[in-house]
PDB file of N, CA and C in Angstrom:
ATOM      1  N   UNK A   1      15.377   6.601  15.024  1.00  0.00           N
ATOM      2  CA  UNK A   1      15.145   5.019  14.894  1.00  0.00           C
ATOM      3  C   UNK A   1      13.473   4.502  14.811  1.00  0.00           C
ATOM      4  N   UNK A   2      13.208   3.680  13.969  1.00  0.00           N
ATOM      5  CA  UNK A   2      11.917   2.873  14.464  1.00  0.00           C
ATOM      6  C   UNK A   2      12.014   1.587  14.668  1.00  0.00           C
ATOM      7  N   UNK A   3      11.033   1.523  15.887  1.00  0.00           N
ATOM      8  CA  UNK A   3      11.382   0.320  16.764  1.00  0.00           C
ATOM      9  C   UNK A   3      10.356  -0.901  16.295  1.00  0.00           C
ATOM     10  N   UNK A   4      10.539  -1.828  15.916  1.00  0.00           N
ATOM     11  CA  UNK A   4       9.528  -2.780  15.197  1.00  0.00           C
ATOM     12  C   UNK A   4       9.669  -3.940  16.325  1.00  0.00           C
ATOM     13  N   UNK A   5       8.038  -4.388  16.216  1.00  0.00           N
ATOM     14  CA  UNK A   5       7.657  -5.352  17.266  1.00  0.00           C
ATOM     15  C   UNK A   5       6.960  -6.145  16.301  1.00  0.00           C
ATOM     16  N   UNK A   6       7.288  -7.793  16.851  1.00  0.00           N
ATOM     17  CA  UNK A   6       6.550  -8.877  16.213  1.00  0.00           C
ATOM     18  C   UNK A   6       5.834  -9.342  17.269  1.00  0.00           C
ATOM     19  N   UNK A   7       4.691  -9.807  16.906  1.00  0.00           N
ATOM     20  CA  UNK A   7       3.544 -10.194  17.850  1.00  0.00           C
ATOM     21  C   UNK A   7       3.807 -11.468  18.656  1.00  0.00           C
ATOM     22  N   UNK A   8       3.691 -12.234  19.980  1.00  0.00           N
ATOM     23  CA  UNK A   8       3.889 -13.329  20.367  1.00  0.00           C
ATOM     24  C   UNK A   8       3.520 -14.760  19.650  1.00  0.00           C
ATOM     25  N   UNK A   9       2.478 -14.421  18.445  1.00  0.00           N
ATOM     26  CA  UNK A   9       1.947 -15.300  17.921  1.00  0.00           C
ATOM     27  C   UNK A   9       3.160 -15.929  17.021  1.00  0.00           C
ATOM     28  N   UNK A  10       3.847 -14.964  16.309  1.00  0.00           N
ATOM     29  CA  UNK A  10       5.080 -15.192  15.395  1.00  0.00           C
ATOM     30  C   UNK A  10       5.980 -15.440  15.947  1.00  0.00           C
ATOM     31  N   UNK A  11       6.588 -15.146  17.303  1.00  0.00           N
ATOM     32  CA  UNK A  11       7.556 -15.479  17.605  1.00  0.00           C
ATOM     33  C   UNK A  11       7.547 -16.915  18.451  1.00  0.00           C
ATOM     34  N   UNK A  12       6.450 -17.661  18.328  1.00  0.00           N
ATOM     35  CA  UNK A  12       6.438 -18.902  18.903  1.00  0.00           C
ATOM     36  C   UNK A  12       6.893 -19.859  17.398  1.00  0.00           C
ATOM     37  N   UNK A  13       7.549 -19.528  16.639  1.00  0.00           N
ATOM     38  CA  UNK A  13       7.849 -20.278  15.342  1.00  0.00           C
ATOM     39  C   UNK A  13       9.294 -19.449  14.672  1.00  0.00           C
ATOM     40  N   UNK A  14       9.204 -18.377  15.133  1.00  0.00           N
ATOM     41  CA  UNK A  14      10.459 -17.560  14.922  1.00  0.00           C
ATOM     42  C   UNK A  14      11.325 -16.889  16.365  1.00  0.00           C
ATOM     43  N   UNK A  15      12.617 -17.199  16.529  1.00  0.00           N
ATOM     44  CA  UNK A  15      13.726 -16.145  17.533  1.00  0.00           C
ATOM     45  C   UNK A  15      13.701 -15.148  17.327  1.00  0.00           C
ATOM     46  N   UNK A  16      12.626 -13.975  17.717  1.00  0.00           N
ATOM     47  CA  UNK A  16      13.148 -12.981  17.149  1.00  0.00           C
ATOM     48  C   UNK A  16      12.842 -12.014  18.360  1.00  0.00           C
ATOM     49  N   UNK A  17      12.994 -10.813  18.258  1.00  0.00           N
ATOM     50  CA  UNK A  17      12.518  -9.529  19.371  1.00  0.00           C
ATOM     51  C   UNK A  17      12.204  -8.431  19.063  1.00  0.00           C
ATOM     52  N   UNK A  18      11.966  -7.446  19.364  1.00  0.00           N
ATOM     53  CA  UNK A  18      11.836  -5.916  18.977  1.00  0.00           C
ATOM     54  C   UNK A  18      13.541  -5.676  19.049  1.00  0.00           C
ATOM     55  N   UNK A  19      13.237  -4.336  17.933  1.00  0.00           N
ATOM     56  CA  UNK A  19      14.668  -3.788  17.854  1.00  0.00           C
ATOM     57  C   UNK A  19      14.252  -2.594  16.970  1.00  0.00           C
ATOM     58  N   UNK A  20      15.178  -1.640  17.347  1.00  0.00           N
ATOM     59  CA  UNK A  20      15.164  -0.363  16.522  1.00  0.00           C
ATOM     60  C   UNK A  20      16.453  -0.458  15.210  1.00  0.00           C
ATOM     61  N   UNK A  21      15.457   0.200  14.135  1.00  0.00           N
ATOM     62  CA  UNK A  21      16.352   0.156  12.660  1.00  0.00           C
ATOM     63  C   UNK A  21      15.919   1.383  12.096  1.00  0.00           C
ATOM     64  N   UNK A  22      16.673   1.731  10.986  1.00  0.00           N
ATOM     65  CA  UNK A  22      16.373   2.507  10.172  1.00  0.00           C
ATOM     66  C   UNK A  22      15.492   2.635   9.102  1.00  0.00           C
ATOM     67  N   UNK A  23      14.967   3.462   8.595  1.00  0.00           N
ATOM     68  CA  UNK A  23      14.022   3.554   7.209  1.00  0.00           C
ATOM     69  C   UNK A  23      13.087   4.736   7.375  1.00  0.00           C
ATOM     70  N   UNK A  24      12.820   4.993   6.229  1.00  0.00           N
ATOM     71  CA  UNK A  24      11.688   5.923   6.123  1.00  0.00           C
ATOM     72  C   UNK A  24      10.252   5.302   5.192  1.00  0.00           C
ATOM     73  N   UNK A  25      10.326   4.051   5.245  1.00  0.00           N
ATOM     74  CA  UNK A  25       9.177   3.441   4.619  1.00  0.00           C
ATOM     75  C   UNK A  25       9.295   2.324   4.785  1.00  0.00           C
ATOM     76  N   UNK A  26       7.851   1.382   4.670  1.00  0.00           N
ATOM     77  CA  UNK A  26       7.584   0.249   5.578  1.00  0.00           C
ATOM     78  C   UNK A  26       8.662  -0.579   4.932  1.00  0.00           C
ATOM     79  N   UNK A  27       9.032  -0.582   3.132  1.00  0.00           N
ATOM     80  CA  UNK A  27       9.980  -1.686   3.019  1.00  0.00           C
ATOM     81  C   UNK A  27      11.739  -1.494   3.882  1.00  0.00           C
ATOM     82  N   UNK A  28      11.706  -0.353   3.703  1.00  0.00           N
ATOM     83  CA  UNK A  28      12.972  -0.440   4.530  1.00  0.00           C
ATOM     84  C   UNK A  28      12.753  -0.553   5.706  1.00  0.00           C
ATOM     85  N   UNK A  29      12.282  -0.498   6.402  1.00  0.00           N
ATOM     86  CA  UNK A  29      12.428  -0.587   7.560  1.00  0.00           C
ATOM     87  C   UNK A  29      12.173  -2.307   8.067  1.00  0.00           C
ATOM     88  N   UNK A  30      11.523  -2.869   7.040  1.00  0.00           N
ATOM     89  CA  UNK A  30      11.368  -4.063   7.291  1.00  0.00           C
ATOM     90  C   UNK A  30      12.976  -5.055   6.440  1.00  0.00           C
ATOM     91  N   UNK A  31      13.214  -4.082   5.699  1.00  0.00           N
ATOM     92  CA  UNK A  31      14.548  -4.818   4.644  1.00  0.00           C
ATOM     93  C   UNK A  31      15.569  -4.498   6.116  1.00  0.00           C
ATOM     94  N   UNK A  32      15.796  -3.584   6.676  1.00  0.00           N
ATOM     95  CA  UNK A  32      16.780  -3.636   7.440  1.00  0.00           C
ATOM     96  C   UNK A  32      16.298  -4.455   9.127  1.00  0.00           C
ATOM     97  N   UNK A  33      15.365  -4.547   9.430  1.00  0.00           N
ATOM     98  CA  UNK A  33      14.984  -5.585  10.481  1.00  0.00           C
ATOM     99  C   UNK A  33      15.408  -6.708   9.997  1.00  0.00           C
ATOM    100  N   UNK A  34      14.948  -7.258   8.657  1.00  0.00           N
ATOM    101  CA  UNK A  34      14.881  -8.539   8.193  1.00  0.00           C
ATOM    102  C   UNK A  34      16.669  -9.221   8.010  1.00  0.00           C
ATOM    103  N   UNK A  35      17.273  -7.570   8.033  1.00  0.00           N
ATOM    104  CA  UNK A  35      19.258  -7.836   7.882  1.00  0.00           C
ATOM    105  C   UNK A  35      19.025  -8.432   9.619  1.00  0.00           C
ATOM    106  N   UNK A  36      18.383  -8.209  10.476  1.00  0.00           N
ATOM    107  CA  UNK A  36      19.020  -8.698  11.936  1.00  0.00           C
ATOM    108  C   UNK A  36      18.215 -10.008  11.898  1.00  0.00           C
ATOM    109  N   UNK A  37      16.849 -10.292  11.399  1.00  0.00           N
ATOM    110  CA  UNK A  37      16.666 -11.845  11.815  1.00  0.00           C
ATOM    111  C   UNK A  37      15.924 -11.931  10.444  1.00  0.00           C
ATOM    112  N   UNK A  38      16.884 -12.753   9.437  1.00  0.00           N
ATOM    113  CA  UNK A  38      16.280 -12.698   8.028  1.00  0.00           C
ATOM    114  C   UNK A  38      15.252 -14.506   8.362  1.00  0.00           C
ATOM    115  N   UNK A  39      15.213 -14.594   9.622  1.00  0.00           N
ATOM    116  CA  UNK A  39      14.292 -16.217   9.197  1.00  0.00           C
ATOM    117  C   UNK A  39      12.680 -15.757   9.241  1.00  0.00           C
ATOM    118  N   UNK A  40      12.853 -14.523   9.661  1.00  0.00           N
ATOM    119  CA  UNK A  40      11.304 -14.199   9.779  1.00  0.00           C
ATOM    120  C   UNK A  40      10.719 -13.543   8.424  1.00  0.00           C
ATOM    121  N   UNK A  41      11.988 -12.710   7.288  1.00  0.00           N
ATOM    122  CA  UNK A  41      11.324 -12.469   5.923  1.00  0.00           C
ATOM    123  C   UNK A  41      10.078 -13.575   5.244  1.00  0.00           C
ATOM    124  N   UNK A  42      10.533 -14.891   5.201  1.00  0.00           N
ATOM    125  CA  UNK A  42       9.527 -15.887   4.496  1.00  0.00           C
ATOM    126  C   UNK A  42       7.980 -16.050   5.200  1.00  0.00           C
ATOM    127  N   UNK A  43       8.383 -14.962   6.333  1.00  0.00           N
ATOM    128  CA  UNK A  43       6.634 -15.624   7.561  1.00  0.00           C
ATOM    129  C   UNK A  43       5.847 -14.256   6.878  1.00  0.00           C
ATOM    130  N   UNK A  44       6.380 -13.186   6.609  1.00  0.00           N
ATOM    131  CA  UNK A  44       5.957 -11.896   6.529  1.00  0.00           C
ATOM    132  C   UNK A  44       5.981 -11.899   5.083  1.00  0.00           C
ATOM    133  N   UNK A  45       6.901 -11.543   3.987  1.00  0.00           N
ATOM    134  CA  UNK A  45       6.693 -11.399   2.454  1.00  0.00           C
ATOM    135  C   UNK A  45       6.890 -12.638   1.754  1.00  0.00           C
ATOM    136  N   UNK A  46       5.853 -12.049   0.474  1.00  0.00           N
ATOM    137  CA  UNK A  46       6.008 -13.658  -0.702  1.00  0.00           C
ATOM    138  C   UNK A  46       7.238 -13.215  -1.039  1.00  0.00           C
ATOM    139  N   UNK A  47       7.892 -14.269  -1.741  1.00  0.00           N
ATOM    140  CA  UNK A  47       9.053 -14.107  -2.789  1.00  0.00           C
ATOM    141  C   UNK A  47       9.263 -12.908  -3.266  1.00  0.00           C
ATOM    142  N   UNK A  48       7.970 -12.791  -3.842  1.00  0.00           N
ATOM    143  CA  UNK A  48       8.029 -11.022  -4.670  1.00  0.00           C
ATOM    144  C   UNK A  48       7.951  -9.929  -3.777  1.00  0.00           C
ATOM    145  N   UNK A  49       7.965  -9.702  -2.769  1.00  0.00           N
ATOM    146  CA  UNK A  49       8.154  -8.707  -1.819  1.00  0.00           C
ATOM    147  C   UNK A  49       7.035  -7.856  -0.845  1.00  0.00           C
ATOM    148  N   UNK A  50       6.124  -8.904  -1.407  1.00  0.00           N
ATOM    149  CA  UNK A  50       4.823  -8.126  -1.271  1.00  0.00           C
ATOM    150  C   UNK A  50       4.066  -9.207  -0.012  1.00  0.00           C
ATOM    151  N   UNK A  51       3.286  -8.074   0.709  1.00  0.00           N
ATOM    152  CA  UNK A  51       2.934  -8.765   1.941  1.00  0.00           C
ATOM    153  C   UNK A  51       2.097 -10.072   2.155  1.00  0.00           C
ATOM    154  N   UNK A  52       2.409 -10.700   2.774  1.00  0.00           N
ATOM    155  CA  UNK A  52       1.641 -12.280   2.652  1.00  0.00           C
ATOM    156  C   UNK A  52       0.034 -12.526   2.683  1.00  0.00           C
ATOM    157  N   UNK A  53      -0.938 -12.626   2.459  1.00  0.00           N
ATOM    158  CA  UNK A  53      -1.960 -12.408   2.567  1.00  0.00           C
ATOM    159  C   UNK A  53      -2.930 -12.560   4.047  1.00  0.00           C
ATOM    160  N   UNK A  54      -2.237 -12.925   4.607  1.00  0.00           N
ATOM    161  CA  UNK A  54      -2.571 -13.479   6.288  1.00  0.00           C
ATOM    162  C   UNK A  54      -1.451 -12.724   7.282  1.00  0.00           C
ATOM    163  N   UNK A  55      -0.910 -11.486   6.820  1.00  0.00           N
ATOM    164  CA  UNK A  55       0.029 -10.664   7.542  1.00  0.00           C
ATOM    165  C   UNK A  55      -0.380  -9.318   7.506  1.00  0.00           C
ATOM    166  N   UNK A  56      -0.555  -8.700   8.925  1.00  0.00           N
ATOM    167  CA  UNK A  56      -0.743  -7.173   8.841  1.00  0.00           C
ATOM    168  C   UNK A  56       0.077  -6.416   9.174  1.00  0.00           C
ATOM    169  N   UNK A  57       0.578  -5.206   8.899  1.00  0.00           N
ATOM    170  CA  UNK A  57       1.664  -3.946   9.464  1.00  0.00           C
ATOM    171  C   UNK A  57       1.071  -2.582   9.993  1.00  0.00           C
ATOM    172  N   UNK A  58       1.407  -2.845  11.170  1.00  0.00           N
ATOM    173  CA  UNK A  58       0.581  -1.120  11.287  1.00  0.00           C
ATOM    174  C   UNK A  58       1.816   0.138  11.899  1.00  0.00           C
ATOM    175  N   UNK A  59       1.467   0.864  11.288  1.00  0.00           N
ATOM    176  CA  UNK A  59       2.316   1.773  11.862  1.00  0.00           C
ATOM    177  C   UNK A  59       1.869   2.926  12.883  1.00  0.00           C
ATOM    178  N   UNK A  60       2.315   2.575  14.275  1.00  0.00           N
ATOM    179  CA  UNK A  60       2.016   3.785  14.945  1.00  0.00           C
ATOM    180  C   UNK A  60       0.201   3.272  15.352  1.00  0.00           C
ATOM    181  N   UNK A  61       0.010   2.070  14.750  1.00  0.00           N
ATOM    182  CA  UNK A  61      -1.261   1.387  15.402  1.00  0.00           C
ATOM    183  C   UNK A  61      -2.426   1.643  14.144  1.00  0.00           C
ATOM    184  N   UNK A  62      -1.774   2.249  12.941  1.00  0.00           N
ATOM    185  CA  UNK A  62      -2.677   2.675  11.810  1.00  0.00           C
ATOM    186  C   UNK A  62      -2.258   1.684  10.532  1.00  0.00           C
ATOM    187  N   UNK A  63      -3.220   0.765  10.135  1.00  0.00           N
ATOM    188  CA  UNK A  63      -2.717  -0.565   9.769  1.00  0.00           C
ATOM    189  C   UNK A  63      -2.253   0.258   8.144  1.00  0.00           C
ATOM    190  N   UNK A  64      -1.256  -0.320   7.912  1.00  0.00           N
ATOM    191  CA  UNK A  64      -0.347   0.223   5.965  1.00  0.00           C
ATOM    192  C   UNK A  64      -1.332   0.214   4.831  1.00  0.00           C
ATOM    193  N   UNK A  65      -1.467   0.711   4.351  1.00  0.00           N
ATOM    194  CA  UNK A  65      -2.301   1.154   2.927  1.00  0.00           C
ATOM    195  C   UNK A  65      -1.691   0.432   1.511  1.00  0.00           C
ATOM    196  N   UNK A  66      -0.381   0.306   1.712  1.00  0.00           N
ATOM    197  CA  UNK A  66       0.316  -0.122   0.041  1.00  0.00           C
ATOM    198  C   UNK A  66       0.877  -1.733   0.931  1.00  0.00           C
ATOM    199  N   UNK A  67       0.189  -3.042   0.697  1.00  0.00           N
ATOM    200  CA  UNK A  67       0.454  -4.033   0.709  1.00  0.00           C
ATOM    201  C   UNK A  67       1.266  -4.330  -0.441  1.00  0.00           C
ATOM    202  N   UNK A  68       1.258  -3.892  -1.194  1.00  0.00           N
ATOM    203  CA  UNK A  68       2.162  -4.360  -2.513  1.00  0.00           C
ATOM    204  C   UNK A  68       3.645  -3.636  -2.602  1.00  0.00           C
ATOM    205  N   UNK A  69       3.912  -2.513  -2.594  1.00  0.00           N
ATOM    206  CA  UNK A  69       5.364  -1.854  -2.493  1.00  0.00           C
ATOM    207  C   UNK A  69       5.574  -1.279  -1.529  1.00  0.00           C
ATOM    208  N   UNK A  70       4.922  -1.288  -0.241  1.00  0.00           N
ATOM    209  CA  UNK A  70       4.979  -1.288   1.399  1.00  0.00           C
ATOM    210  C   UNK A  70       5.839   0.312   1.312  1.00  0.00           C
ATOM    211  N   UNK A  71       5.351   0.913   0.576  1.00  0.00           N
ATOM    212  CA  UNK A  71       5.521   2.307   0.520  1.00  0.00           C
ATOM    213  C   UNK A  71       4.930   3.790   1.483  1.00  0.00           C
ATOM    214  N   UNK A  72       4.597   2.873   2.536  1.00  0.00           N
ATOM    215  CA  UNK A  72       3.620   4.021   3.360  1.00  0.00           C
ATOM    216  C   UNK A  72       5.386   4.096   4.242  1.00  0.00           C
ATOM    217  N   UNK A  73       5.042   5.925   4.119  1.00  0.00           N
ATOM    218  CA  UNK A  73       6.178   6.360   5.367  1.00  0.00           C
ATOM    219  C   UNK A  73       6.085   6.033   6.762  1.00  0.00           C
ATOM    220  N   UNK A  74       6.839   6.142   7.592  1.00  0.00           N
ATOM    221  CA  UNK A  74       7.325   5.872   8.400  1.00  0.00           C
ATOM    222  C   UNK A  74       7.757   6.937   9.281  1.00  0.00           C
ATOM    223  N   UNK A  75       7.398   6.919  10.893  1.00  0.00           N
ATOM    224  CA  UNK A  75       8.296   8.529  11.157  1.00  0.00           C
ATOM    225  C   UNK A  75       9.438   8.121  11.621  1.00  0.00           C
ATOM    226  N   UNK A  76      10.304   8.894  11.627  1.00  0.00           N
ATOM    227  CA  UNK A  76      11.762   8.525  12.479  1.00  0.00           C
ATOM    228  C   UNK A  76      11.762   7.910  14.037  1.00  0.00           C
ATOM    229  N   UNK A  77      10.767   8.267  14.577  1.00  0.00           N
ATOM    230  CA  UNK A  77      10.606   7.456  16.079  1.00  0.00           C
ATOM    231  C   UNK A  77       9.468   6.656  16.305  1.00  0.00           C
ATOM    232  N   UNK A  78       8.699   6.056  15.014  1.00  0.00           N
ATOM    233  CA  UNK A  78       7.765   5.422  14.726  1.00  0.00           C
ATOM    234  C   UNK A  78       7.786   3.923  15.742  1.00  0.00           C
ATOM    235  N   UNK A  79       6.776   3.628  15.363  1.00  0.00           N
ATOM    236  CA  UNK A  79       6.480   2.039  15.945  1.00  0.00           C
ATOM    237  C   UNK A  79       5.661   1.330  15.064  1.00  0.00           C
ATOM    238  N   UNK A  80       6.531   0.163  14.266  1.00  0.00           N
ATOM    239  CA  UNK A  80       5.777  -0.832  13.643  1.00  0.00           C
ATOM    240  C   UNK A  80       5.858  -2.249  14.396  1.00  0.00           C
ATOM    241  N   UNK A  81       4.565  -2.442  13.770  1.00  0.00           N
ATOM    242  CA  UNK A  81       4.133  -3.831  14.314  1.00  0.00           C
ATOM    243  C   UNK A  81       3.805  -4.704  14.002  1.00  0.00           C
ATOM    244  N   UNK A  82       4.377  -6.239  13.695  1.00  0.00           N
ATOM    245  CA  UNK A  82       3.863  -6.780  12.392  1.00  0.00           C
ATOM    246  C   UNK A  82       3.334  -8.155  13.267  1.00  0.00           C
ATOM    247  N   UNK A  83       2.451  -7.967  12.529  1.00  0.00           N
ATOM    248  CA  UNK A  83       1.824  -9.292  13.268  1.00  0.00           C
ATOM    249  C   UNK A  83       0.828 -10.221  12.367  1.00  0.00           C
ATOM    250  N   UNK A  84       0.057 -11.629  13.009  1.00  0.00           N
ATOM    251  CA  UNK A  84      -0.335 -12.652  11.617  1.00  0.00           C
ATOM    252  C   UNK A  84      -2.045 -11.903  12.207  1.00  0.00           C
ATOM    253  N   UNK A  85      -2.434 -12.150  11.005  1.00  0.00           N
ATOM    254  CA  UNK A  85      -4.170 -11.886  11.291  1.00  0.00           C
ATOM    255  C   UNK A  85      -4.607 -13.619  11.154  1.00  0.00           C
ATOM    256  N   UNK A  86      -5.786 -13.308  11.697  1.00  0.00           N
ATOM    257  CA  UNK A  86      -6.675 -14.794  11.672  1.00  0.00           C
ATOM    258  C   UNK A  86      -7.887 -14.586  10.728  1.00  0.00           C
ATOM    259  N   UNK A  87      -8.241 -15.588  10.103  1.00  0.00           N
ATOM    260  CA  UNK A  87      -9.366 -16.030   9.582  1.00  0.00           C
ATOM    261  C   UNK A  87     -10.083 -16.967   9.755  1.00  0.00           C
ATOM    262  N   UNK A  88     -11.351 -17.041   9.081  1.00  0.00           N
ATOM    263  CA  UNK A  88     -12.198 -18.429   9.289  1.00  0.00           C
ATOM    264  C   UNK A  88     -13.087 -17.857  10.131  1.00  0.00           C
ATOM    265  N   UNK A  89     -14.322 -18.824  11.083  1.00  0.00           N
ATOM    266  CA  UNK A  89     -15.281 -18.303  11.442  1.00  0.00           C
ATOM    267  C   UNK A  89     -15.209 -19.572  12.927  1.00  0.00           C
TER     268      UNK A  89
END
C-alpha cells in the first residue's frame, strides 16, 4: 500500500488525513485517495484531471515528472506527498 500525506497548509482548508491506498501510478493513487476524501480533488486537480499549477506531488521525496497524465510509477510501499506550492516574491 502507498501512504498519501497532505501538508498542513491544505489541511487548513479541507479535513483530510494521511491514508494508505492502492495504486501503481500517481493517477491511480490519487484516484483511490480521492475516493476516501473527495473534497480534496478540486484543490489538487483541474476539471480535466491535470495537476493544478500551484500544486506539487512528490513520490518518496522526488517531484513527479508527468503533471498532465500523472503516469509516474509509485512503489507499492512508497509515500506520496501532496502540497501547495508558493509563488511570488
